[in-house]
């Protein structure tokens, strides 16, 4: 199982780097669709669409929203407005998570979950495209490393020192000590990036944005975990050997990407 997981991760990393550095912006956007559309198929299941025609219809709707957004990716006003809506949506997700923790048996409305897919699926595509176009592939790579570093730091700190549960009703394995470990890893990576990336504006502001982004990456992870629990699922799918579904791999990034780019806009980076 571990070997399969590592091999899948290496293949995914190679494909991601190839698309990020080897393709133009339009090609990168098309490559992202190969991630977003399977994730939409899985999200449709989480929304309660069990029949294949309904799930394909949901995938088609997500694709149409992305295609409608594509011509506007170079418009900073459009992107900034969409990112603000997405950030507000992720703040609202905290309320959703609290409600589930208090009433785990209360069902979600399919329409609400389906609508949330716009934030989970469309907004990160726009954010990653705009980040790649405006700031370059180095910033996209840094964002991916930030999310991975936070996840790895949280995993090892949680295993070594984890005692206090973060959200036991949603993800019993996560602890506050793990969050601290993820925060430390994020801080070191952000400080290191100051000497590598052409960070405009305030260096302190950039580090703060990285820490906030790390926090939202946890929210994204918990939000997908909550949806899976309500559907009685361990994984969102089985497309990736050893890793489960596509959503299981991009849940943190789906929340982190809009928040990170919005933060860069805010500090004038």
C-alpha atoms as a PDB file:
ATOM      1  CA  UNK A   1       0.000   0.000   0.000  1.00  0.00           C
ATOM      2  CA  UNK A   2       2.774   2.437   0.946  1.00  0.00           C
ATOM      3  CA  UNK A   3       4.773   1.569  -2.170  1.00  0.00           C
ATOM      4  CA  UNK A   4       1.710   2.098  -4.360  1.00  0.00           C
ATOM      5  CA  UNK A   5       1.030   5.418  -2.636  1.00  0.00           C
ATOM      6  CA  UNK A   6       4.611   6.639  -3.157  1.00  0.00           C
ATOM      7  CA  UNK A   7       4.680   5.589  -6.823  1.00  0.00           C
ATOM      8  CA  UNK A   8       1.386   7.349  -7.508  1.00  0.00           C
ATOM      9  CA  UNK A   9       2.642  10.477  -5.755  1.00  0.00           C
ATOM     10  CA  UNK A  10       5.837  10.502  -7.832  1.00  0.00           C
ATOM     11  CA  UNK A  11       3.915  10.121 -11.087  1.00  0.00           C
ATOM     12  CA  UNK A  12       1.491  12.880 -10.110  1.00  0.00           C
ATOM     13  CA  UNK A  13       4.358  15.186  -9.118  1.00  0.00           C
ATOM     14  CA  UNK A  14       6.124  14.607 -12.441  1.00  0.00           C
ATOM     15  CA  UNK A  15       2.950  15.306 -14.410  1.00  0.00           C
ATOM     16  CA  UNK A  16       2.229  18.436 -12.373  1.00  0.00           C
ATOM     17  CA  UNK A  17       5.740  19.829 -12.887  1.00  0.00           C
ATOM     18  CA  UNK A  18       5.642  18.997 -16.586  1.00  0.00           C
ATOM     19  CA  UNK A  19       2.344  20.835 -17.045  1.00  0.00           C
ATOM     20  CA  UNK A  20       3.441  23.766 -14.892  1.00  0.00           C
ATOM     21  CA  UNK A  21       6.806  24.445 -16.530  1.00  0.00           C
ATOM     22  CA  UNK A  22       6.432  22.783 -19.904  1.00  0.00           C
ATOM     23  CA  UNK A  23       3.110  24.194 -21.105  1.00  0.00           C
ATOM     24  CA  UNK A  24       1.959  27.732 -21.938  1.00  0.00           C
ATOM     25  CA  UNK A  25      -0.752  29.281 -19.797  1.00  0.00           C
ATOM     26  CA  UNK A  26      -3.550  27.961 -22.042  1.00  0.00           C
ATOM     27  CA  UNK A  27      -2.058  24.467 -21.966  1.00  0.00           C
ATOM     28  CA  UNK A  28      -1.740  24.675 -18.206  1.00  0.00           C
ATOM     29  CA  UNK A  29      -5.423  25.582 -17.993  1.00  0.00           C
ATOM     30  CA  UNK A  30      -6.362  22.591 -20.131  1.00  0.00           C
ATOM     31  CA  UNK A  31      -4.206  20.328 -17.955  1.00  0.00           C
ATOM     32  CA  UNK A  32      -5.997  21.633 -14.869  1.00  0.00           C
ATOM     33  CA  UNK A  33      -9.270  20.494 -16.396  1.00  0.00           C
ATOM     34  CA  UNK A  34      -7.935  16.929 -16.254  1.00  0.00           C
ATOM     35  CA  UNK A  35      -7.925  17.383 -12.473  1.00  0.00           C
ATOM     36  CA  UNK A  36     -11.011  19.529 -11.977  1.00  0.00           C
ATOM     37  CA  UNK A  37     -13.453  17.502 -14.078  1.00  0.00           C
ATOM     38  CA  UNK A  38     -12.790  14.136 -12.359  1.00  0.00           C
ATOM     39  CA  UNK A  39     -13.064  16.018  -9.060  1.00  0.00           C
ATOM     40  CA  UNK A  40     -16.432  17.371 -10.228  1.00  0.00           C
ATOM     41  CA  UNK A  41     -17.576  13.798 -10.925  1.00  0.00           C
ATOM     42  CA  UNK A  42     -16.651  12.888  -7.345  1.00  0.00           C
ATOM     43  CA  UNK A  43     -18.237  16.032  -5.896  1.00  0.00           C
ATOM     44  CA  UNK A  44     -21.505  15.197  -7.657  1.00  0.00           C
ATOM     45  CA  UNK A  45     -21.527  11.949  -5.707  1.00  0.00           C
ATOM     46  CA  UNK A  46     -20.968  13.833  -2.458  1.00  0.00           C
ATOM     47  CA  UNK A  47     -23.902  16.073  -3.390  1.00  0.00           C
ATOM     48  CA  UNK A  48     -26.122  13.014  -3.642  1.00  0.00           C
ATOM     49  CA  UNK A  49     -26.242  12.587  -7.414  1.00  0.00           C
ATOM     50  CA  UNK A  50     -26.004   8.828  -7.705  1.00  0.00           C
ATOM     51  CA  UNK A  51     -27.235   8.329 -11.271  1.00  0.00           C
ATOM     52  CA  UNK A  52     -24.609   8.659 -14.007  1.00  0.00           C
ATOM     53  CA  UNK A  53     -26.631  11.126 -16.152  1.00  0.00           C
ATOM     54  CA  UNK A  54     -26.999  13.489 -13.188  1.00  0.00           C
ATOM     55  CA  UNK A  55     -23.305  13.261 -12.369  1.00  0.00           C
ATOM     56  CA  UNK A  56     -22.310  13.871 -15.995  1.00  0.00           C
ATOM     57  CA  UNK A  57     -24.681  16.822 -16.051  1.00  0.00           C
ATOM     58  CA  UNK A  58     -22.931  18.267 -13.001  1.00  0.00           C
ATOM     59  CA  UNK A  59     -19.513  17.780 -14.621  1.00  0.00           C
ATOM     60  CA  UNK A  60     -20.835  19.555 -17.718  1.00  0.00           C
ATOM     61  CA  UNK A  61     -22.103  22.472 -15.627  1.00  0.00           C
ATOM     62  CA  UNK A  62     -18.698  22.872 -13.956  1.00  0.00           C
ATOM     63  CA  UNK A  63     -17.006  22.761 -17.364  1.00  0.00           C
ATOM     64  CA  UNK A  64     -19.347  25.445 -18.718  1.00  0.00           C
ATOM     65  CA  UNK A  65     -18.595  27.712 -15.735  1.00  0.00           C
ATOM     66  CA  UNK A  66     -14.863  27.288 -16.290  1.00  0.00           C
ATOM     67  CA  UNK A  67     -15.124  27.922 -20.022  1.00  0.00           C
ATOM     68  CA  UNK A  68     -17.222  31.030 -19.340  1.00  0.00           C
ATOM     69  CA  UNK A  69     -14.558  32.261 -16.897  1.00  0.00           C
ATOM     70  CA  UNK A  70     -11.590  31.521 -19.154  1.00  0.00           C
ATOM     71  CA  UNK A  71     -11.725  34.731 -21.249  1.00  0.00           C
ATOM     72  CA  UNK A  72     -11.821  36.776 -18.033  1.00  0.00           C
ATOM     73  CA  UNK A  73      -8.802  35.238 -16.316  1.00  0.00           C
ATOM     74  CA  UNK A  74      -6.638  38.151 -17.497  1.00  0.00           C
ATOM     75  CA  UNK A  75      -9.104  40.663 -16.003  1.00  0.00           C
ATOM     76  CA  UNK A  76      -7.826  41.419 -12.511  1.00  0.00           C
ATOM     77  CA  UNK A  77     -11.108  42.983 -11.407  1.00  0.00           C
ATOM     78  CA  UNK A  78     -13.039  39.844 -12.366  1.00  0.00           C
ATOM     79  CA  UNK A  79     -10.510  37.537 -10.748  1.00  0.00           C
ATOM     80  CA  UNK A  80     -10.322  39.641  -7.580  1.00  0.00           C
ATOM     81  CA  UNK A  81     -14.104  39.707  -7.252  1.00  0.00           C
ATOM     82  CA  UNK A  82     -14.362  35.954  -7.732  1.00  0.00           C
ATOM     83  CA  UNK A  83     -11.581  35.340  -5.207  1.00  0.00           C
ATOM     84  CA  UNK A  84     -13.360  37.519  -2.652  1.00  0.00           C
ATOM     85  CA  UNK A  85     -16.546  35.494  -3.127  1.00  0.00           C
ATOM     86  CA  UNK A  86     -14.573  32.267  -2.793  1.00  0.00           C
ATOM     87  CA  UNK A  87     -12.851  33.461   0.391  1.00  0.00           C
ATOM     88  CA  UNK A  88     -16.223  34.421   1.846  1.00  0.00           C
ATOM     89  CA  UNK A  89     -17.482  30.977   0.900  1.00  0.00           C
ATOM     90  CA  UNK A  90     -14.653  29.295   2.776  1.00  0.00           C
ATOM     91  CA  UNK A  91     -15.337  31.457   5.818  1.00  0.00           C
ATOM     92  CA  UNK A  92     -18.937  30.299   5.541  1.00  0.00           C
ATOM     93  CA  UNK A  93     -17.650  26.716   5.436  1.00  0.00           C
ATOM     94  CA  UNK A  94     -16.506  27.195   9.033  1.00  0.00           C
ATOM     95  CA  UNK A  95     -20.152  27.700  10.010  1.00  0.00           C
ATOM     96  CA  UNK A  96     -21.080  24.575   8.047  1.00  0.00           C
ATOM     97  CA  UNK A  97     -18.383  22.584   9.852  1.00  0.00           C
ATOM     98  CA  UNK A  98     -19.575  23.850  13.246  1.00  0.00           C
ATOM     99  CA  UNK A  99     -23.152  22.866  12.435  1.00  0.00           C
ATOM    100  CA  UNK A 100     -22.047  19.366  11.467  1.00  0.00           C
ATOM    101  CA  UNK A 101     -20.016  19.008  14.661  1.00  0.00           C
ATOM    102  CA  UNK A 102     -23.112  19.947  16.685  1.00  0.00           C
ATOM    103  CA  UNK A 103     -25.602  17.958  14.577  1.00  0.00           C
ATOM    104  CA  UNK A 104     -23.762  15.222  12.650  1.00  0.00           C
ATOM    105  CA  UNK A 105     -27.013  13.482  11.659  1.00  0.00           C
ATOM    106  CA  UNK A 106     -28.542  16.572  10.067  1.00  0.00           C
ATOM    107  CA  UNK A 107     -28.503  16.010   6.279  1.00  0.00           C
ATOM    108  CA  UNK A 108     -27.221  18.543   3.775  1.00  0.00           C
ATOM    109  CA  UNK A 109     -29.379  19.697   0.917  1.00  0.00           C
ATOM    110  CA  UNK A 110     -28.114  18.418  -2.408  1.00  0.00           C
ATOM    111  CA  UNK A 111     -28.580  21.863  -3.960  1.00  0.00           C
ATOM    112  CA  UNK A 112     -26.406  23.483  -1.285  1.00  0.00           C
ATOM    113  CA  UNK A 113     -23.608  20.950  -1.737  1.00  0.00           C
ATOM    114  CA  UNK A 114     -23.820  21.248  -5.514  1.00  0.00           C
ATOM    115  CA  UNK A 115     -23.598  25.035  -5.284  1.00  0.00           C
ATOM    116  CA  UNK A 116     -20.617  24.768  -2.947  1.00  0.00           C
ATOM    117  CA  UNK A 117     -18.874  22.950  -5.774  1.00  0.00           C
ATOM    118  CA  UNK A 118     -18.515  26.289  -7.522  1.00  0.00           C
ATOM    119  CA  UNK A 119     -16.208  27.412  -4.725  1.00  0.00           C
ATOM    120  CA  UNK A 120     -14.489  24.041  -4.409  1.00  0.00           C
ATOM    121  CA  UNK A 121     -13.920  23.454  -8.124  1.00  0.00           C
ATOM    122  CA  UNK A 122     -14.258  26.576 -10.271  1.00  0.00           C
ATOM    123  CA  UNK A 123     -12.620  29.181  -8.028  1.00  0.00           C
ATOM    124  CA  UNK A 124      -9.302  27.285  -7.618  1.00  0.00           C
ATOM    125  CA  UNK A 125      -9.086  26.768 -11.386  1.00  0.00           C
ATOM    126  CA  UNK A 126      -9.421  30.529 -11.925  1.00  0.00           C
ATOM    127  CA  UNK A 127      -6.987  31.255  -9.082  1.00  0.00           C
ATOM    128  CA  UNK A 128      -4.296  28.883 -10.358  1.00  0.00           C
ATOM    129  CA  UNK A 129      -4.663  30.155 -13.916  1.00  0.00           C
ATOM    130  CA  UNK A 130      -4.375  33.792 -12.820  1.00  0.00           C
ATOM    131  CA  UNK A 131      -1.468  32.981 -10.502  1.00  0.00           C
ATOM    132  CA  UNK A 132       0.365  31.211 -13.341  1.00  0.00           C
ATOM    133  CA  UNK A 133      -0.329  34.027 -15.813  1.00  0.00           C
ATOM    134  CA  UNK A 134       0.451  36.999 -13.532  1.00  0.00           C
ATOM    135  CA  UNK A 135       3.181  35.682 -11.251  1.00  0.00           C
ATOM    136  CA  UNK A 136       4.669  32.750 -13.146  1.00  0.00           C
ATOM    137  CA  UNK A 137       5.069  29.033 -12.512  1.00  0.00           C
ATOM    138  CA  UNK A 138       7.403  29.599  -9.562  1.00  0.00           C
ATOM    139  CA  UNK A 139       4.556  31.000  -7.489  1.00  0.00           C
ATOM    140  CA  UNK A 140       2.270  28.108  -8.390  1.00  0.00           C
ATOM    141  CA  UNK A 141       4.977  25.644  -7.391  1.00  0.00           C
ATOM    142  CA  UNK A 142       5.485  27.519  -4.125  1.00  0.00           C
ATOM    143  CA  UNK A 143       1.758  27.325  -3.357  1.00  0.00           C
ATOM    144  CA  UNK A 144       1.771  23.587  -3.968  1.00  0.00           C
ATOM    145  CA  UNK A 145       4.844  23.173  -1.766  1.00  0.00           C
ATOM    146  CA  UNK A 146       3.214  25.296   0.930  1.00  0.00           C
ATOM    147  CA  UNK A 147       0.148  23.048   1.033  1.00  0.00           C
ATOM    148  CA  UNK A 148       2.276  19.894   1.008  1.00  0.00           C
ATOM    149  CA  UNK A 149       4.646  21.210   3.698  1.00  0.00           C
ATOM    150  CA  UNK A 150       1.708  22.128   5.940  1.00  0.00           C
ATOM    151  CA  UNK A 151       0.207  18.673   5.448  1.00  0.00           C
ATOM    152  CA  UNK A 152       3.487  16.852   6.100  1.00  0.00           C
ATOM    153  CA  UNK A 153       4.315  19.023   9.122  1.00  0.00           C
ATOM    154  CA  UNK A 154       0.857  18.417  10.559  1.00  0.00           C
ATOM    155  CA  UNK A 155       1.110  14.669   9.967  1.00  0.00           C
ATOM    156  CA  UNK A 156       4.426  14.170  11.729  1.00  0.00           C
ATOM    157  CA  UNK A 157       3.740  16.611  14.567  1.00  0.00           C
ATOM    158  CA  UNK A 158       0.333  15.038  15.105  1.00  0.00           C
ATOM    159  CA  UNK A 159       1.797  11.537  15.245  1.00  0.00           C
ATOM    160  CA  UNK A 160       4.556  12.550  17.651  1.00  0.00           C
ATOM    161  CA  UNK A 161       2.804  14.991  19.956  1.00  0.00           C
ATOM    162  CA  UNK A 162      -0.880  14.910  19.031  1.00  0.00           C
ATOM    163  CA  UNK A 163      -3.200  14.886  22.032  1.00  0.00           C
ATOM    164  CA  UNK A 164      -5.979  17.461  21.601  1.00  0.00           C
ATOM    165  CA  UNK A 165      -8.407  16.642  18.807  1.00  0.00           C
ATOM    166  CA  UNK A 166      -9.079  19.391  16.290  1.00  0.00           C
ATOM    167  CA  UNK A 167     -12.434  18.188  14.946  1.00  0.00           C
ATOM    168  CA  UNK A 168     -13.168  14.698  16.298  1.00  0.00           C
ATOM    169  CA  UNK A 169     -16.621  14.480  14.701  1.00  0.00           C
ATOM    170  CA  UNK A 170     -15.181  15.241  11.262  1.00  0.00           C
ATOM    171  CA  UNK A 171     -11.580  13.999  11.130  1.00  0.00           C
ATOM    172  CA  UNK A 172     -10.560  12.159  14.319  1.00  0.00           C
ATOM    173  CA  UNK A 173      -6.903  11.933  13.314  1.00  0.00           C
ATOM    174  CA  UNK A 174      -6.311  15.686  13.211  1.00  0.00           C
ATOM    175  CA  UNK A 175      -4.989  17.430  16.318  1.00  0.00           C
ATOM    176  CA  UNK A 176      -4.166  20.952  17.395  1.00  0.00           C
ATOM    177  CA  UNK A 177      -0.549  19.863  17.809  1.00  0.00           C
ATOM    178  CA  UNK A 178      -0.633  18.829  14.162  1.00  0.00           C
ATOM    179  CA  UNK A 179      -1.922  22.265  13.206  1.00  0.00           C
ATOM    180  CA  UNK A 180       1.001  23.805  15.089  1.00  0.00           C
ATOM    181  CA  UNK A 181       3.428  21.502  13.290  1.00  0.00           C
ATOM    182  CA  UNK A 182       1.916  22.493   9.950  1.00  0.00           C
ATOM    183  CA  UNK A 183       2.213  26.135  10.939  1.00  0.00           C
ATOM    184  CA  UNK A 184       5.898  25.792  11.786  1.00  0.00           C
ATOM    185  CA  UNK A 185       6.602  24.076   8.462  1.00  0.00           C
ATOM    186  CA  UNK A 186       4.692  26.801   6.632  1.00  0.00           C
ATOM    187  CA  UNK A 187       6.572  29.547   8.454  1.00  0.00           C
ATOM    188  CA  UNK A 188       9.980  28.132   7.541  1.00  0.00           C
ATOM    189  CA  UNK A 189       8.961  27.682   3.910  1.00  0.00           C
ATOM    190  CA  UNK A 190       7.539  31.202   3.690  1.00  0.00           C
ATOM    191  CA  UNK A 191      10.707  32.729   5.158  1.00  0.00           C
ATOM    192  CA  UNK A 192      12.836  30.726   2.732  1.00  0.00           C
ATOM    193  CA  UNK A 193      10.678  31.895  -0.187  1.00  0.00           C
ATOM    194  CA  UNK A 194      11.400  35.545   0.583  1.00  0.00           C
ATOM    195  CA  UNK A 195      14.923  35.064  -0.757  1.00  0.00           C
ATOM    196  CA  UNK A 196      13.822  33.120  -3.853  1.00  0.00           C
ATOM    197  CA  UNK A 197      10.576  34.651  -5.096  1.00  0.00           C
ATOM    198  CA  UNK A 198      10.310  38.239  -6.273  1.00  0.00           C
ATOM    199  CA  UNK A 199       7.926  39.127  -3.466  1.00  0.00           C
ATOM    200  CA  UNK A 200       6.632  42.656  -3.822  1.00  0.00           C
ATOM    201  CA  UNK A 201       5.144  44.695  -1.017  1.00  0.00           C
ATOM    202  CA  UNK A 202       5.764  43.681   2.570  1.00  0.00           C
ATOM    203  CA  UNK A 203       7.743  40.570   3.438  1.00  0.00           C
ATOM    204  CA  UNK A 204       5.848  40.384   6.718  1.00  0.00           C
ATOM    205  CA  UNK A 205       2.615  40.599   4.777  1.00  0.00           C
ATOM    206  CA  UNK A 206       3.706  37.754   2.503  1.00  0.00           C
ATOM    207  CA  UNK A 207       4.500  35.524   5.469  1.00  0.00           C
ATOM    208  CA  UNK A 208       1.145  36.404   7.030  1.00  0.00           C
ATOM    209  CA  UNK A 209      -0.650  35.466   3.810  1.00  0.00           C
ATOM    210  CA  UNK A 210       1.162  32.122   3.784  1.00  0.00           C
ATOM    211  CA  UNK A 211       0.064  31.403   7.343  1.00  0.00           C
ATOM    212  CA  UNK A 212      -3.540  32.353   6.577  1.00  0.00           C
ATOM    213  CA  UNK A 213      -3.426  30.201   3.452  1.00  0.00           C
ATOM    214  CA  UNK A 214      -2.240  27.273   5.563  1.00  0.00           C
ATOM    215  CA  UNK A 215      -5.219  27.756   7.860  1.00  0.00           C
ATOM    216  CA  UNK A 216      -7.660  27.710   4.961  1.00  0.00           C
ATOM    217  CA  UNK A 217      -5.994  24.604   3.516  1.00  0.00           C
ATOM    218  CA  UNK A 218      -7.027  22.823   6.723  1.00  0.00           C
ATOM    219  CA  UNK A 219     -10.574  24.114   6.300  1.00  0.00           C
ATOM    220  CA  UNK A 220     -10.641  22.712   2.765  1.00  0.00           C
ATOM    221  CA  UNK A 221      -9.477  19.330   4.013  1.00  0.00           C
ATOM    222  CA  UNK A 222     -12.043  19.270   6.818  1.00  0.00           C
ATOM    223  CA  UNK A 223     -14.839  20.396   4.517  1.00  0.00           C
ATOM    224  CA  UNK A 224     -14.327  17.490   2.134  1.00  0.00           C
ATOM    225  CA  UNK A 225     -13.982  15.092   5.082  1.00  0.00           C
ATOM    226  CA  UNK A 226     -17.311  16.320   6.403  1.00  0.00           C
ATOM    227  CA  UNK A 227     -18.989  15.688   3.050  1.00  0.00           C
ATOM    228  CA  UNK A 228     -17.561  12.174   2.899  1.00  0.00           C
ATOM    229  CA  UNK A 229     -18.721  11.400   6.427  1.00  0.00           C
ATOM    230  CA  UNK A 230     -22.244  12.484   5.620  1.00  0.00           C
ATOM    231  CA  UNK A 231     -22.229  10.099   2.658  1.00  0.00           C
ATOM    232  CA  UNK A 232     -20.573   7.305   4.624  1.00  0.00           C
ATOM    233  CA  UNK A 233     -17.520   7.292   2.367  1.00  0.00           C
ATOM    234  CA  UNK A 234     -13.872   6.744   3.254  1.00  0.00           C
ATOM    235  CA  UNK A 235     -12.556   8.195  -0.020  1.00  0.00           C
ATOM    236  CA  UNK A 236     -14.113  10.489  -2.603  1.00  0.00           C
ATOM    237  CA  UNK A 237     -13.233   7.972  -5.331  1.00  0.00           C
ATOM    238  CA  UNK A 238     -10.743   5.321  -6.396  1.00  0.00           C
ATOM    239  CA  UNK A 239      -9.050   6.873  -9.413  1.00  0.00           C
ATOM    240  CA  UNK A 240      -5.625   7.291  -7.784  1.00  0.00           C
ATOM    241  CA  UNK A 241      -4.037   4.041  -6.505  1.00  0.00           C
ATOM    242  CA  UNK A 242      -3.158   4.347  -2.834  1.00  0.00           C
ATOM    243  CA  UNK A 243      -4.639   7.831  -2.594  1.00  0.00           C
ATOM    244  CA  UNK A 244      -8.367   7.420  -3.172  1.00  0.00           C
ATOM    245  CA  UNK A 245     -10.068  10.041  -5.298  1.00  0.00           C
ATOM    246  CA  UNK A 246      -8.903  13.245  -6.941  1.00  0.00           C
ATOM    247  CA  UNK A 247     -10.739  15.359  -4.362  1.00  0.00           C
ATOM    248  CA  UNK A 248      -8.787  13.631  -1.623  1.00  0.00           C
ATOM    249  CA  UNK A 249      -5.607  15.080  -3.126  1.00  0.00           C
ATOM    250  CA  UNK A 250      -6.762  18.594  -3.985  1.00  0.00           C
ATOM    251  CA  UNK A 251      -9.155  19.443  -1.146  1.00  0.00           C
ATOM    252  CA  UNK A 252      -6.572  21.551   0.694  1.00  0.00           C
ATOM    253  CA  UNK A 253      -5.377  23.270  -2.489  1.00  0.00           C
ATOM    254  CA  UNK A 254      -8.942  24.113  -3.526  1.00  0.00           C
ATOM    255  CA  UNK A 255      -9.271  26.378  -0.488  1.00  0.00           C
ATOM    256  CA  UNK A 256      -5.664  27.562  -0.419  1.00  0.00           C
ATOM    257  CA  UNK A 257      -5.368  28.782  -4.021  1.00  0.00           C
ATOM    258  CA  UNK A 258      -8.060  31.523  -3.976  1.00  0.00           C
ATOM    259  CA  UNK A 259      -6.980  32.769  -0.541  1.00  0.00           C
ATOM    260  CA  UNK A 260      -3.297  32.890  -1.497  1.00  0.00           C
ATOM    261  CA  UNK A 261      -3.839  34.878  -4.696  1.00  0.00           C
ATOM    262  CA  UNK A 262      -6.305  37.227  -3.001  1.00  0.00           C
ATOM    263  CA  UNK A 263      -3.645  37.828  -0.354  1.00  0.00           C
ATOM    264  CA  UNK A 264      -1.044  38.614  -3.005  1.00  0.00           C
ATOM    265  CA  UNK A 265      -3.432  41.151  -4.533  1.00  0.00           C
ATOM    266  CA  UNK A 266      -3.960  42.636  -1.072  1.00  0.00           C
ATOM    267  CA  UNK A 267      -0.263  43.207  -0.326  1.00  0.00           C
ATOM    268  CA  UNK A 268       0.519  44.290  -3.854  1.00  0.00           C
ATOM    269  CA  UNK A 269       2.831  41.332  -4.409  1.00  0.00           C
END
